[in-house]
Amino acid sequence: PAAFQSAVSRIPADVRERVVGSSWHKGCPVPLRRLRYVRVSIHKFDGSKRQGRLIIHRSQAHKIVKVMHKLWRADYPIRRMRLVDAYGARDRRSMKADNTSAFNCRYVAGTSSWSMHAYGKAIDLNPVENPYVSGGHVSPKNGTKYADRCCHRAIVHAGDKVVRAFASV
């Protein structure tokens, strides 16, 4: 698409079939009826333009559309944006593939506390270029070369356009 496009809807039946038993299961802290299917235009790393898809909590869905519109206007690149179910709902596989994703009913790694992803209120944005770093641990491992926050146009820095876009909502 040449212009930014977006849509927010209830989770379509075909998508619901894929996520139930995968990224969503009985016991998740948020029912499916409170989640929304969000489609937004993204600039890919190769310069092409595509539609990305996320599942987001209904209270945040329109806010995320606003954020993604700001990132679109700023030409911020996103490598890929697919539902985590494309990776068997395995967070590590999704992150290793540099997939920007949101909802996944899972615990915070190494704990029995629900992640904000389990509520549809967190997004991993270009996780290879923006890896999780804790001491000497970097996740995903292929994000190690970006752990110093240097030298890629998709890296998020304090106060930059990405941070300001999320802070605005």
N, C-alpha and C. Protein backbone atom coordinates (compact mmCIF):
# COMPACT_ATOMS: atom_id res chain seq x y z
N PRO A 1 0.83 -1.20 0.00
CA PRO A 1 0.00 0.00 0.00
C PRO A 1 0.87 1.26 0.00
N ALA A 2 0.45 2.26 -0.79
CA ALA A 2 1.20 3.50 -0.87
C ALA A 2 0.92 4.39 0.34
N ALA A 3 -0.26 4.32 0.87
CA ALA A 3 -0.63 5.11 2.04
C ALA A 3 -0.85 4.16 3.22
N PHE A 4 -0.71 4.71 4.41
CA PHE A 4 -0.93 3.90 5.61
C PHE A 4 -2.36 3.39 5.65
N GLN A 5 -2.51 2.11 5.93
CA GLN A 5 -3.82 1.50 6.09
C GLN A 5 -3.84 0.73 7.39
N SER A 6 -5.01 0.69 8.01
CA SER A 6 -5.13 -0.07 9.25
C SER A 6 -6.56 -0.56 9.41
N ALA A 7 -6.70 -1.58 10.24
CA ALA A 7 -8.02 -2.10 10.57
C ALA A 7 -7.94 -2.78 11.93
N VAL A 8 -8.97 -2.61 12.72
CA VAL A 8 -9.09 -3.26 14.02
C VAL A 8 -10.42 -4.01 14.00
N SER A 9 -10.38 -5.29 14.36
CA SER A 9 -11.60 -6.08 14.36
C SER A 9 -11.53 -7.16 15.44
N ARG A 10 -12.66 -7.77 15.69
CA ARG A 10 -12.65 -8.97 16.53
C ARG A 10 -11.79 -9.99 15.78
N ILE A 11 -11.30 -10.97 16.49
CA ILE A 11 -10.45 -11.98 15.85
C ILE A 11 -11.32 -12.80 14.89
N PRO A 12 -10.96 -12.80 13.59
CA PRO A 12 -11.75 -13.56 12.61
C PRO A 12 -11.73 -15.07 12.93
N ALA A 13 -12.77 -15.77 12.47
CA ALA A 13 -12.91 -17.19 12.77
C ALA A 13 -11.69 -18.01 12.36
N ASP A 14 -11.14 -17.76 11.17
CA ASP A 14 -9.99 -18.55 10.71
C ASP A 14 -8.76 -18.29 11.58
N VAL A 15 -8.59 -17.06 12.05
CA VAL A 15 -7.47 -16.73 12.92
C VAL A 15 -7.72 -17.33 14.31
N ARG A 16 -8.94 -17.25 14.77
CA ARG A 16 -9.30 -17.81 16.07
C ARG A 16 -8.98 -19.31 16.10
N GLU A 17 -9.27 -20.01 15.01
CA GLU A 17 -8.96 -21.44 14.93
C GLU A 17 -7.47 -21.70 15.09
N ARG A 18 -6.64 -20.82 14.54
CA ARG A 18 -5.18 -20.99 14.63
C ARG A 18 -4.65 -20.68 16.02
N VAL A 19 -5.20 -19.67 16.69
CA VAL A 19 -4.63 -19.24 17.97
C VAL A 19 -5.09 -20.08 19.16
N VAL A 20 -6.33 -20.60 19.09
CA VAL A 20 -6.83 -21.41 20.20
C VAL A 20 -6.03 -22.72 20.25
N GLY A 21 -5.43 -22.95 21.40
CA GLY A 21 -4.57 -24.12 21.57
C GLY A 21 -3.13 -23.84 21.20
N SER A 22 -2.87 -22.66 20.71
CA SER A 22 -1.50 -22.27 20.35
C SER A 22 -1.09 -21.09 21.24
N SER A 23 -1.31 -19.85 20.77
CA SER A 23 -0.93 -18.70 21.60
C SER A 23 -1.97 -18.39 22.68
N TRP A 24 -3.20 -18.89 22.50
CA TRP A 24 -4.24 -18.73 23.53
C TRP A 24 -4.74 -20.11 23.93
N HIS A 25 -4.92 -20.30 25.23
CA HIS A 25 -5.42 -21.58 25.74
C HIS A 25 -6.21 -21.32 27.01
N LYS A 26 -6.97 -22.32 27.41
CA LYS A 26 -7.74 -22.21 28.64
C LYS A 26 -6.80 -21.87 29.78
N GLY A 27 -7.19 -20.93 30.62
CA GLY A 27 -6.36 -20.49 31.73
C GLY A 27 -5.61 -19.20 31.47
N CYS A 28 -5.65 -18.72 30.22
CA CYS A 28 -5.00 -17.43 29.92
C CYS A 28 -5.70 -16.33 30.72
N PRO A 29 -4.96 -15.28 31.10
CA PRO A 29 -5.55 -14.24 31.95
C PRO A 29 -6.51 -13.30 31.23
N VAL A 30 -6.62 -13.40 29.92
CA VAL A 30 -7.54 -12.53 29.18
C VAL A 30 -8.34 -13.41 28.21
N PRO A 31 -9.67 -13.25 28.21
CA PRO A 31 -10.49 -14.03 27.27
C PRO A 31 -10.33 -13.50 25.84
N LEU A 32 -10.56 -14.37 24.88
CA LEU A 32 -10.45 -13.98 23.47
C LEU A 32 -11.32 -12.78 23.13
N ARG A 33 -12.48 -12.66 23.76
CA ARG A 33 -13.39 -11.56 23.43
C ARG A 33 -12.79 -10.19 23.75
N ARG A 34 -11.75 -10.15 24.58
CA ARG A 34 -11.10 -8.88 24.92
C ARG A 34 -9.89 -8.58 24.04
N LEU A 35 -9.62 -9.44 23.10
CA LEU A 35 -8.48 -9.23 22.19
C LEU A 35 -8.99 -8.77 20.83
N ARG A 36 -8.13 -8.04 20.13
CA ARG A 36 -8.48 -7.55 18.79
C ARG A 36 -7.39 -7.92 17.80
N TYR A 37 -7.85 -8.11 16.56
CA TYR A 37 -6.97 -8.40 15.43
C TYR A 37 -6.66 -7.07 14.76
N VAL A 38 -5.40 -6.73 14.70
CA VAL A 38 -4.98 -5.42 14.20
C VAL A 38 -4.12 -5.62 12.95
N ARG A 39 -4.49 -4.93 11.89
CA ARG A 39 -3.69 -4.93 10.66
C ARG A 39 -3.20 -3.51 10.42
N VAL A 40 -1.92 -3.37 10.14
CA VAL A 40 -1.33 -2.06 9.90
C VAL A 40 -0.31 -2.14 8.77
N SER A 41 -0.16 -1.04 8.05
CA SER A 41 0.89 -0.96 7.04
C SER A 41 2.24 -0.82 7.72
N ILE A 42 3.25 -1.49 7.15
CA ILE A 42 4.61 -1.37 7.67
C ILE A 42 5.59 -1.19 6.52
N HIS A 43 6.68 -0.50 6.82
CA HIS A 43 7.82 -0.42 5.90
C HIS A 43 8.73 -1.58 6.25
N LYS A 44 9.01 -2.43 5.29
CA LYS A 44 9.90 -3.57 5.52
C LYS A 44 11.36 -3.11 5.40
N PHE A 45 12.28 -3.92 5.88
CA PHE A 45 13.70 -3.58 5.81
C PHE A 45 14.18 -3.39 4.37
N ASP A 46 13.58 -4.13 3.44
CA ASP A 46 14.01 -4.04 2.04
C ASP A 46 13.38 -2.86 1.29
N GLY A 47 12.60 -2.04 2.01
CA GLY A 47 11.97 -0.88 1.40
C GLY A 47 10.56 -1.14 0.89
N SER A 48 10.14 -2.39 0.83
CA SER A 48 8.78 -2.68 0.39
C SER A 48 7.79 -2.32 1.50
N LYS A 49 6.54 -2.27 1.13
CA LYS A 49 5.48 -1.92 2.07
C LYS A 49 4.50 -3.09 2.12
N ARG A 50 4.13 -3.50 3.32
CA ARG A 50 3.25 -4.65 3.51
C ARG A 50 2.27 -4.39 4.65
N GLN A 51 1.35 -5.31 4.82
CA GLN A 51 0.45 -5.29 5.96
C GLN A 51 1.01 -6.22 7.03
N GLY A 52 1.12 -5.71 8.25
CA GLY A 52 1.52 -6.53 9.38
C GLY A 52 0.29 -6.83 10.22
N ARG A 53 0.39 -7.90 11.02
CA ARG A 53 -0.73 -8.31 11.84
C ARG A 53 -0.30 -8.54 13.28
N LEU A 54 -1.14 -8.11 14.20
CA LEU A 54 -0.91 -8.29 15.63
C LEU A 54 -2.22 -8.65 16.30
N ILE A 55 -2.15 -9.29 17.44
CA ILE A 55 -3.31 -9.42 18.31
C ILE A 55 -2.98 -8.60 19.55
N ILE A 56 -3.91 -7.69 19.89
CA ILE A 56 -3.70 -6.69 20.93
C ILE A 56 -4.94 -6.66 21.83
N HIS A 57 -4.76 -6.32 23.09
CA HIS A 57 -5.91 -6.14 23.98
C HIS A 57 -6.79 -5.03 23.41
N ARG A 58 -8.10 -5.21 23.51
CA ARG A 58 -9.02 -4.23 22.91
C ARG A 58 -8.82 -2.82 23.45
N SER A 59 -8.37 -2.68 24.69
CA SER A 59 -8.17 -1.34 25.26
C SER A 59 -6.96 -0.63 24.66
N GLN A 60 -6.10 -1.38 24.00
CA GLN A 60 -4.87 -0.81 23.44
C GLN A 60 -4.84 -0.80 21.92
N ALA A 61 -5.76 -1.49 21.28
CA ALA A 61 -5.70 -1.69 19.83
C ALA A 61 -5.63 -0.39 19.03
N HIS A 62 -6.53 0.55 19.30
CA HIS A 62 -6.54 1.80 18.53
C HIS A 62 -5.32 2.66 18.87
N LYS A 63 -4.83 2.55 20.08
CA LYS A 63 -3.61 3.27 20.44
C LYS A 63 -2.42 2.73 19.65
N ILE A 64 -2.35 1.42 19.49
CA ILE A 64 -1.25 0.83 18.73
C ILE A 64 -1.34 1.23 17.26
N VAL A 65 -2.54 1.33 16.73
CA VAL A 65 -2.69 1.81 15.36
C VAL A 65 -2.11 3.22 15.24
N LYS A 66 -2.37 4.09 16.21
CA LYS A 66 -1.81 5.45 16.18
C LYS A 66 -0.28 5.40 16.21
N VAL A 67 0.27 4.54 17.05
CA VAL A 67 1.72 4.40 17.13
C VAL A 67 2.27 3.93 15.79
N MET A 68 1.68 2.91 15.23
CA MET A 68 2.17 2.36 13.97
C MET A 68 2.04 3.36 12.82
N HIS A 69 1.02 4.21 12.88
CA HIS A 69 0.89 5.27 11.87
C HIS A 69 2.05 6.26 11.99
N LYS A 70 2.41 6.61 13.22
CA LYS A 70 3.55 7.51 13.43
C LYS A 70 4.84 6.87 12.94
N LEU A 71 5.01 5.58 13.21
CA LEU A 71 6.22 4.89 12.74
C LEU A 71 6.23 4.81 11.22
N TRP A 72 5.07 4.63 10.62
CA TRP A 72 4.95 4.61 9.16
C TRP A 72 5.40 5.96 8.58
N ARG A 73 4.88 7.05 9.18
CA ARG A 73 5.24 8.39 8.68
C ARG A 73 6.73 8.67 8.87
N ALA A 74 7.35 8.06 9.87
CA ALA A 74 8.78 8.26 10.13
C ALA A 74 9.65 7.28 9.33
N ASP A 75 9.04 6.47 8.48
CA ASP A 75 9.76 5.45 7.69
C ASP A 75 10.54 4.47 8.56
N TYR A 76 10.01 4.19 9.75
CA TYR A 76 10.67 3.22 10.63
C TYR A 76 10.46 1.81 10.06
N PRO A 77 11.55 1.07 9.87
CA PRO A 77 11.43 -0.27 9.26
C PRO A 77 11.09 -1.37 10.28
N ILE A 78 10.29 -2.30 9.83
CA ILE A 78 9.95 -3.48 10.61
C ILE A 78 10.21 -4.70 9.73
N ARG A 79 11.07 -5.60 10.21
CA ARG A 79 11.45 -6.74 9.38
C ARG A 79 10.24 -7.60 9.02
N ARG A 80 9.48 -8.00 10.02
CA ARG A 80 8.27 -8.77 9.78
C ARG A 80 7.33 -8.60 10.96
N MET A 81 6.04 -8.75 10.69
CA MET A 81 5.03 -8.62 11.73
C MET A 81 3.96 -9.68 11.45
N ARG A 82 4.16 -10.84 12.07
CA ARG A 82 3.24 -11.97 11.92
C ARG A 82 2.76 -12.38 13.30
N LEU A 83 1.60 -13.00 13.36
CA LEU A 83 1.13 -13.53 14.63
C LEU A 83 2.12 -14.59 15.11
N VAL A 84 2.34 -14.64 16.41
CA VAL A 84 3.31 -15.56 16.99
C VAL A 84 2.95 -17.02 16.70
N ASP A 85 1.71 -17.28 16.35
CA ASP A 85 1.28 -18.63 16.00
C ASP A 85 2.00 -19.16 14.77
N ALA A 86 2.50 -18.27 13.91
CA ALA A 86 3.28 -18.70 12.75
C ALA A 86 4.57 -19.39 13.19
N TYR A 87 4.93 -19.22 14.45
CA TYR A 87 6.15 -19.82 15.02
C TYR A 87 5.78 -20.83 16.11
N GLY A 88 4.59 -21.40 16.00
CA GLY A 88 4.14 -22.37 16.98
C GLY A 88 3.94 -21.77 18.36
N ALA A 89 3.69 -20.46 18.42
CA ALA A 89 3.54 -19.71 19.68
C ALA A 89 4.80 -19.81 20.54
N ARG A 90 5.92 -20.08 19.91
CA ARG A 90 7.20 -20.16 20.63
C ARG A 90 7.90 -18.81 20.51
N ASP A 91 7.95 -18.13 21.64
CA ASP A 91 8.51 -16.79 21.68
C ASP A 91 9.94 -16.75 21.15
N ARG A 92 10.75 -17.71 21.54
CA ARG A 92 12.16 -17.71 21.09
C ARG A 92 12.27 -17.84 19.58
N ARG A 93 11.44 -18.69 18.98
CA ARG A 93 11.46 -18.84 17.52
C ARG A 93 11.04 -17.54 16.84
N SER A 94 10.00 -16.91 17.36
CA SER A 94 9.51 -15.66 16.80
C SER A 94 10.58 -14.57 16.90
N MET A 95 11.20 -14.47 18.08
CA MET A 95 12.24 -13.45 18.27
C MET A 95 13.45 -13.71 17.38
N LYS A 96 13.87 -14.96 17.29
CA LYS A 96 15.02 -15.31 16.44
C LYS A 96 14.76 -14.91 14.99
N ALA A 97 13.50 -15.01 14.56
CA ALA A 97 13.12 -14.64 13.20
C ALA A 97 12.96 -13.13 13.04
N ASP A 98 13.22 -12.37 14.11
CA ASP A 98 13.08 -10.91 14.11
C ASP A 98 11.65 -10.50 13.80
N ASN A 99 10.71 -11.24 14.39
CA ASN A 99 9.30 -10.99 14.18
C ASN A 99 8.76 -10.05 15.25
N THR A 100 8.15 -8.96 14.82
CA THR A 100 7.46 -8.04 15.71
C THR A 100 6.13 -8.68 16.06
N SER A 101 5.90 -8.93 17.35
CA SER A 101 4.67 -9.60 17.76
C SER A 101 4.17 -9.03 19.08
N ALA A 102 2.94 -9.40 19.42
CA ALA A 102 2.33 -8.87 20.64
C ALA A 102 1.77 -10.01 21.48
N PHE A 103 0.48 -10.33 21.34
CA PHE A 103 -0.15 -11.31 22.22
C PHE A 103 0.50 -12.69 22.12
N ASN A 104 0.77 -13.26 23.29
CA ASN A 104 1.17 -14.66 23.43
C ASN A 104 0.95 -15.00 24.89
N CYS A 105 0.04 -15.90 25.17
CA CYS A 105 -0.28 -16.26 26.55
C CYS A 105 0.89 -17.05 27.13
N ARG A 106 1.76 -16.34 27.81
CA ARG A 106 2.97 -16.96 28.35
C ARG A 106 3.39 -16.25 29.63
N TYR A 107 4.24 -16.93 30.38
CA TYR A 107 4.79 -16.35 31.60
C TYR A 107 6.04 -15.54 31.28
N VAL A 108 6.41 -14.66 32.20
CA VAL A 108 7.70 -14.00 32.13
C VAL A 108 8.73 -15.12 32.24
N ALA A 109 9.74 -15.10 31.40
CA ALA A 109 10.75 -16.17 31.39
C ALA A 109 11.29 -16.44 32.78
N GLY A 110 11.29 -17.72 33.15
CA GLY A 110 11.85 -18.13 34.43
C GLY A 110 10.98 -17.87 35.64
N THR A 111 9.71 -17.50 35.42
CA THR A 111 8.81 -17.19 36.55
C THR A 111 7.45 -17.87 36.34
N SER A 112 6.58 -17.70 37.29
CA SER A 112 5.19 -18.15 37.13
C SER A 112 4.26 -16.93 37.10
N SER A 113 4.80 -15.78 36.72
CA SER A 113 4.01 -14.54 36.58
C SER A 113 3.69 -14.32 35.11
N TRP A 114 2.44 -13.95 34.85
CA TRP A 114 2.05 -13.70 33.46
C TRP A 114 2.84 -12.53 32.87
N SER A 115 3.30 -12.70 31.66
CA SER A 115 3.94 -11.63 30.89
C SER A 115 2.85 -10.66 30.46
N MET A 116 3.20 -9.42 30.20
CA MET A 116 2.24 -8.47 29.64
C MET A 116 1.79 -8.92 28.24
N HIS A 117 2.58 -9.77 27.59
CA HIS A 117 2.16 -10.34 26.31
C HIS A 117 0.91 -11.21 26.49
N ALA A 118 0.77 -11.85 27.65
CA ALA A 118 -0.39 -12.70 27.92
C ALA A 118 -1.67 -11.89 28.04
N TYR A 119 -1.55 -10.59 28.21
CA TYR A 119 -2.71 -9.69 28.27
C TYR A 119 -2.90 -8.94 26.95
N GLY A 120 -1.99 -9.12 26.01
CA GLY A 120 -2.04 -8.37 24.75
C GLY A 120 -1.65 -6.93 24.93
N LYS A 121 -0.78 -6.66 25.93
CA LYS A 121 -0.39 -5.28 26.24
C LYS A 121 1.11 -5.06 26.14
N ALA A 122 1.79 -5.87 25.34
CA ALA A 122 3.24 -5.71 25.13
C ALA A 122 3.54 -6.06 23.68
N ILE A 123 4.55 -5.41 23.14
CA ILE A 123 5.00 -5.67 21.77
C ILE A 123 6.51 -5.83 21.78
N ASP A 124 6.99 -6.87 21.11
CA ASP A 124 8.42 -7.00 20.84
C ASP A 124 8.64 -6.43 19.45
N LEU A 125 9.32 -5.30 19.37
CA LEU A 125 9.53 -4.58 18.12
C LEU A 125 10.93 -4.88 17.59
N ASN A 126 11.01 -5.52 16.42
CA ASN A 126 12.31 -5.90 15.84
C ASN A 126 13.22 -6.47 16.93
N PRO A 127 12.87 -7.63 17.49
CA PRO A 127 13.60 -8.14 18.66
C PRO A 127 15.07 -8.49 18.43
N VAL A 128 15.50 -8.70 17.20
CA VAL A 128 16.94 -8.93 16.97
C VAL A 128 17.69 -7.62 17.16
N GLU A 129 17.19 -6.56 16.56
CA GLU A 129 17.85 -5.25 16.69
C GLU A 129 17.61 -4.62 18.06
N ASN A 130 16.58 -5.06 18.74
CA ASN A 130 16.22 -4.54 20.07
C ASN A 130 16.10 -5.71 21.04
N PRO A 131 17.20 -6.41 21.29
CA PRO A 131 17.14 -7.62 22.12
C PRO A 131 16.91 -7.32 23.59
N TYR A 132 16.42 -8.33 24.29
CA TYR A 132 16.31 -8.27 25.74
C TYR A 132 17.71 -8.51 26.29
N VAL A 133 18.19 -7.60 27.13
CA VAL A 133 19.53 -7.72 27.71
C VAL A 133 19.41 -7.65 29.22
N SER A 134 19.97 -8.65 29.89
CA SER A 134 20.00 -8.69 31.36
C SER A 134 21.36 -9.21 31.77
N GLY A 135 22.20 -8.32 32.28
CA GLY A 135 23.57 -8.71 32.60
C GLY A 135 24.26 -9.16 31.33
N GLY A 136 24.78 -10.38 31.32
CA GLY A 136 25.44 -10.91 30.14
C GLY A 136 24.52 -11.71 29.23
N HIS A 137 23.24 -11.81 29.60
CA HIS A 137 22.28 -12.58 28.81
C HIS A 137 21.62 -11.69 27.75
N VAL A 138 21.62 -12.17 26.51
CA VAL A 138 20.97 -11.45 25.41
C VAL A 138 20.00 -12.41 24.73
N SER A 139 18.77 -11.95 24.54
CA SER A 139 17.76 -12.78 23.88
C SER A 139 17.01 -11.94 22.85
N PRO A 140 16.97 -12.40 21.61
CA PRO A 140 17.51 -13.64 21.10
C PRO A 140 19.03 -13.56 20.93
N LYS A 141 19.65 -14.73 20.86
CA LYS A 141 21.12 -14.75 20.77
C LYS A 141 21.62 -14.02 19.53
N ASN A 142 20.87 -14.10 18.42
CA ASN A 142 21.31 -13.40 17.21
C ASN A 142 21.17 -11.89 17.32
N GLY A 143 20.69 -11.39 18.46
CA GLY A 143 20.66 -9.96 18.73
C GLY A 143 21.89 -9.47 19.46
N THR A 144 22.82 -10.37 19.77
CA THR A 144 24.02 -10.00 20.54
C THR A 144 24.79 -8.86 19.89
N LYS A 145 24.89 -8.85 18.57
CA LYS A 145 25.66 -7.79 17.91
C LYS A 145 25.01 -6.41 18.05
N TYR A 146 23.73 -6.37 18.49
CA TYR A 146 23.03 -5.09 18.69
C TYR A 146 22.86 -4.73 20.16
N ALA A 147 23.37 -5.56 21.04
CA ALA A 147 23.18 -5.34 22.48
C ALA A 147 23.78 -4.01 22.95
N ASP A 148 24.78 -3.51 22.21
CA ASP A 148 25.39 -2.23 22.59
C ASP A 148 24.59 -1.04 22.05
N ARG A 149 23.45 -1.32 21.38
CA ARG A 149 22.52 -0.30 20.87
C ARG A 149 23.13 0.56 19.76
N CYS A 150 24.05 -0.02 19.01
CA CYS A 150 24.74 0.76 17.98
C CYS A 150 24.41 0.27 16.57
N CYS A 151 24.21 1.21 15.74
CA CYS A 151 24.44 1.06 14.30
C CYS A 151 23.41 0.30 13.48
N HIS A 152 22.16 0.49 13.71
CA HIS A 152 21.13 -0.04 12.81
C HIS A 152 19.92 0.89 12.90
N ARG A 153 19.30 1.16 11.79
CA ARG A 153 18.18 2.12 11.75
C ARG A 153 16.93 1.64 12.47
N ALA A 154 16.86 0.34 12.83
CA ALA A 154 15.69 -0.18 13.54
C ALA A 154 15.89 -0.24 15.05
N ILE A 155 17.06 0.16 15.52
CA ILE A 155 17.34 0.14 16.96
C ILE A 155 16.58 1.29 17.62
N VAL A 156 15.98 0.97 18.76
CA VAL A 156 15.24 1.97 19.53
C VAL A 156 16.17 2.55 20.58
N HIS A 157 16.17 3.88 20.68
CA HIS A 157 16.98 4.60 21.67
C HIS A 157 16.09 5.49 22.52
N ALA A 158 16.50 5.73 23.75
CA ALA A 158 15.76 6.61 24.65
C ALA A 158 15.47 7.95 23.96
N GLY A 159 14.21 8.35 23.98
CA GLY A 159 13.82 9.65 23.44
C GLY A 159 13.68 9.72 21.94
N ASP A 160 13.91 8.62 21.21
CA ASP A 160 13.83 8.69 19.75
C ASP A 160 12.38 8.66 19.27
N LYS A 161 12.18 8.65 17.95
CA LYS A 161 10.84 8.70 17.37
C LYS A 161 9.97 7.52 17.80
N VAL A 162 10.57 6.36 18.00
CA VAL A 162 9.80 5.17 18.41
C VAL A 162 9.32 5.35 19.85
N VAL A 163 10.21 5.74 20.73
CA VAL A 163 9.87 5.95 22.13
C VAL A 163 8.82 7.06 22.24
N ARG A 164 8.99 8.13 21.49
CA ARG A 164 8.02 9.23 21.54
C ARG A 164 6.65 8.78 21.02
N ALA A 165 6.64 7.94 19.98
CA ALA A 165 5.36 7.45 19.44
C ALA A 165 4.62 6.62 20.47
N PHE A 166 5.32 5.72 21.15
CA PHE A 166 4.66 4.92 22.17
C PHE A 166 4.27 5.78 23.38
N ALA A 167 5.12 6.71 23.75
CA ALA A 167 4.82 7.58 24.91
C ALA A 167 3.60 8.47 24.63
N SER A 168 3.35 8.77 23.36
CA SER A 168 2.23 9.65 23.03
C SER A 168 0.87 9.01 23.30
N VAL A 169 0.84 7.70 23.44
CA VAL A 169 -0.45 7.03 23.71
C VAL A 169 -0.44 6.43 25.10
